[in-house]
Amino acid sequence: MYNDTIDFIERVKSKYKICLVSDADKEMVESHIEAITFDQIFISEEIESYKGNPDDKMFKKVLKKLNVNADEIMHIGDSSSDIYGSDINGIDTCWINRHQYKKQFDTIP
């Protein structure tokens, strides 16, 4: 977890629901789950799909479980699958590119 993650979440959680949407296994994100109280958690291991899968299962599950339309949420991510998966579901995205990766997607976050 990055140093500014908890501070950012603390600042926005009074106004927004905060969810963890991860392509990791549950064991890989346990420390995040212990450090932050999320409104909902969506993990690929449990959903049996990844954010960038063509079946769109991950983000469809997020929208259904939160009972929101795609234009009511934003997905903040650091990978191409974060941007691609959100975009094909009509979800606005914010790309945090801490490592100066080259863009692997056509959409504009």
Protein backbone atom coordinates (compact mmCIF):
# COMPACT_ATOMS: atom_id res chain seq x y z
CA MET A 1 0.00 0.00 0.00
CA TYR A 2 1.29 3.46 -0.83
CA ASN A 3 1.93 5.99 1.96
CA ASP A 4 -0.88 8.31 0.85
CA THR A 5 -3.55 5.63 0.38
CA ILE A 6 -5.05 5.64 3.87
CA ASP A 7 -4.96 9.45 4.11
CA PHE A 8 -6.81 9.76 0.78
CA ILE A 9 -9.45 7.22 1.78
CA GLU A 10 -9.96 8.91 5.15
CA ARG A 11 -10.54 12.24 3.40
CA VAL A 12 -13.15 10.95 0.93
CA LYS A 13 -14.99 8.24 2.85
CA SER A 14 -17.38 10.63 4.55
CA LYS A 15 -18.73 11.64 1.13
CA TYR A 16 -18.29 8.48 -0.97
CA LYS A 17 -18.55 4.74 -0.60
CA ILE A 18 -15.12 3.14 -0.78
CA CYS A 19 -14.79 -0.28 -2.36
CA LEU A 20 -11.86 -2.52 -3.03
CA VAL A 21 -11.93 -4.06 -6.50
CA SER A 22 -8.90 -6.28 -6.94
CA ASP A 23 -7.54 -8.86 -9.37
CA ALA A 24 -5.61 -10.33 -6.45
CA ASP A 25 -6.43 -13.36 -4.35
CA LYS A 26 -7.95 -12.69 -0.93
CA GLU A 27 -4.71 -13.63 0.82
CA MET A 28 -2.84 -10.99 -1.18
CA VAL A 29 -5.10 -8.14 -0.01
CA GLU A 30 -5.61 -9.17 3.62
CA SER A 31 -3.39 -6.37 4.93
CA HIS A 32 -5.44 -3.78 3.00
CA ILE A 33 -8.66 -5.24 4.36
CA GLU A 34 -7.27 -5.05 7.89
CA ALA A 35 -6.02 -1.47 7.48
CA ILE A 36 -9.07 0.06 5.78
CA THR A 37 -12.79 -0.32 6.34
CA PHE A 38 -14.32 -0.78 2.89
CA ASP A 39 -18.02 -0.49 2.13
CA GLN A 40 -17.71 -3.47 -0.23
CA ILE A 41 -14.93 -5.78 -1.37
CA PHE A 42 -14.77 -7.39 -4.80
CA ILE A 43 -11.93 -9.88 -5.31
CA SER A 44 -11.28 -11.85 -8.48
CA GLU A 45 -10.75 -15.05 -6.56
CA GLU A 46 -14.32 -14.87 -5.25
CA ILE A 47 -15.97 -13.47 -8.39
CA GLU A 48 -14.03 -15.84 -10.67
CA SER A 49 -13.23 -13.10 -13.15
CA TYR A 50 -10.69 -10.33 -13.65
CA LYS A 51 -11.22 -6.61 -14.28
CA GLY A 52 -10.02 -6.81 -17.88
CA ASN A 53 -11.87 -9.99 -18.87
CA PRO A 54 -14.07 -9.65 -21.97
CA ASP A 55 -16.99 -11.16 -20.00
CA ASP A 56 -17.22 -7.91 -17.96
CA LYS A 57 -18.23 -10.03 -14.96
CA MET A 58 -16.17 -8.11 -12.37
CA PHE A 59 -17.56 -4.63 -12.97
CA LYS A 60 -21.07 -5.93 -13.70
CA LYS A 61 -20.97 -7.50 -10.22
CA VAL A 62 -19.81 -4.20 -8.72
CA LEU A 63 -22.65 -2.26 -10.35
CA LYS A 64 -25.25 -4.83 -9.35
CA LYS A 65 -24.08 -5.24 -5.75
CA LEU A 66 -23.86 -1.47 -5.19
CA ASN A 67 -27.18 -0.99 -7.01
CA VAL A 68 -25.82 1.94 -9.02
CA ASN A 69 -25.57 2.97 -12.64
CA ALA A 70 -22.17 3.21 -14.27
CA ASP A 71 -22.34 7.01 -14.34
CA GLU A 72 -22.67 7.12 -10.54
CA ILE A 73 -19.24 5.69 -9.71
CA MET A 74 -15.58 6.13 -10.53
CA HIS A 75 -12.90 3.47 -10.58
CA ILE A 76 -9.41 4.55 -9.53
CA GLY A 77 -6.72 2.18 -10.70
CA ASP A 78 -3.12 1.78 -11.71
CA SER A 79 -3.23 -0.76 -14.52
CA SER A 80 -4.54 -1.19 -18.04
CA SER A 81 -7.11 -3.71 -16.83
CA ASP A 82 -8.47 -1.11 -14.40
CA ILE A 83 -9.03 1.37 -17.21
CA TYR A 84 -10.20 -1.13 -19.83
CA GLY A 85 -12.62 -2.99 -17.57
CA SER A 86 -14.17 0.19 -16.23
CA ASP A 87 -14.44 1.83 -19.62
CA ILE A 88 -16.23 -1.04 -21.35
CA ASN A 89 -18.82 -0.86 -18.59
CA GLY A 90 -19.28 2.91 -18.92
CA ILE A 91 -17.57 3.68 -15.61
CA ASP A 92 -15.43 6.82 -15.34
CA THR A 93 -11.84 6.10 -14.47
CA CYS A 94 -8.88 7.74 -12.84
CA TRP A 95 -5.49 6.28 -13.76
CA ILE A 96 -2.79 6.67 -11.13
CA ASN A 97 0.44 6.05 -12.99
CA ARG A 98 3.09 6.05 -10.25
CA HIS A 99 5.59 4.06 -12.30
CA GLN A 100 5.38 5.96 -15.59
CA TYR A 101 3.91 3.00 -17.49
CA LYS A 102 3.13 3.48 -21.15
CA LYS A 103 -0.60 3.58 -21.81
CA GLN A 104 -1.91 0.18 -23.00
CA PHE A 105 -5.45 1.33 -23.75
CA ASP A 106 -7.27 3.67 -26.13
CA THR A 107 -9.68 5.33 -23.73
CA ILE A 108 -8.80 8.51 -21.89
CA PRO A 109 -9.09 8.10 -18.11
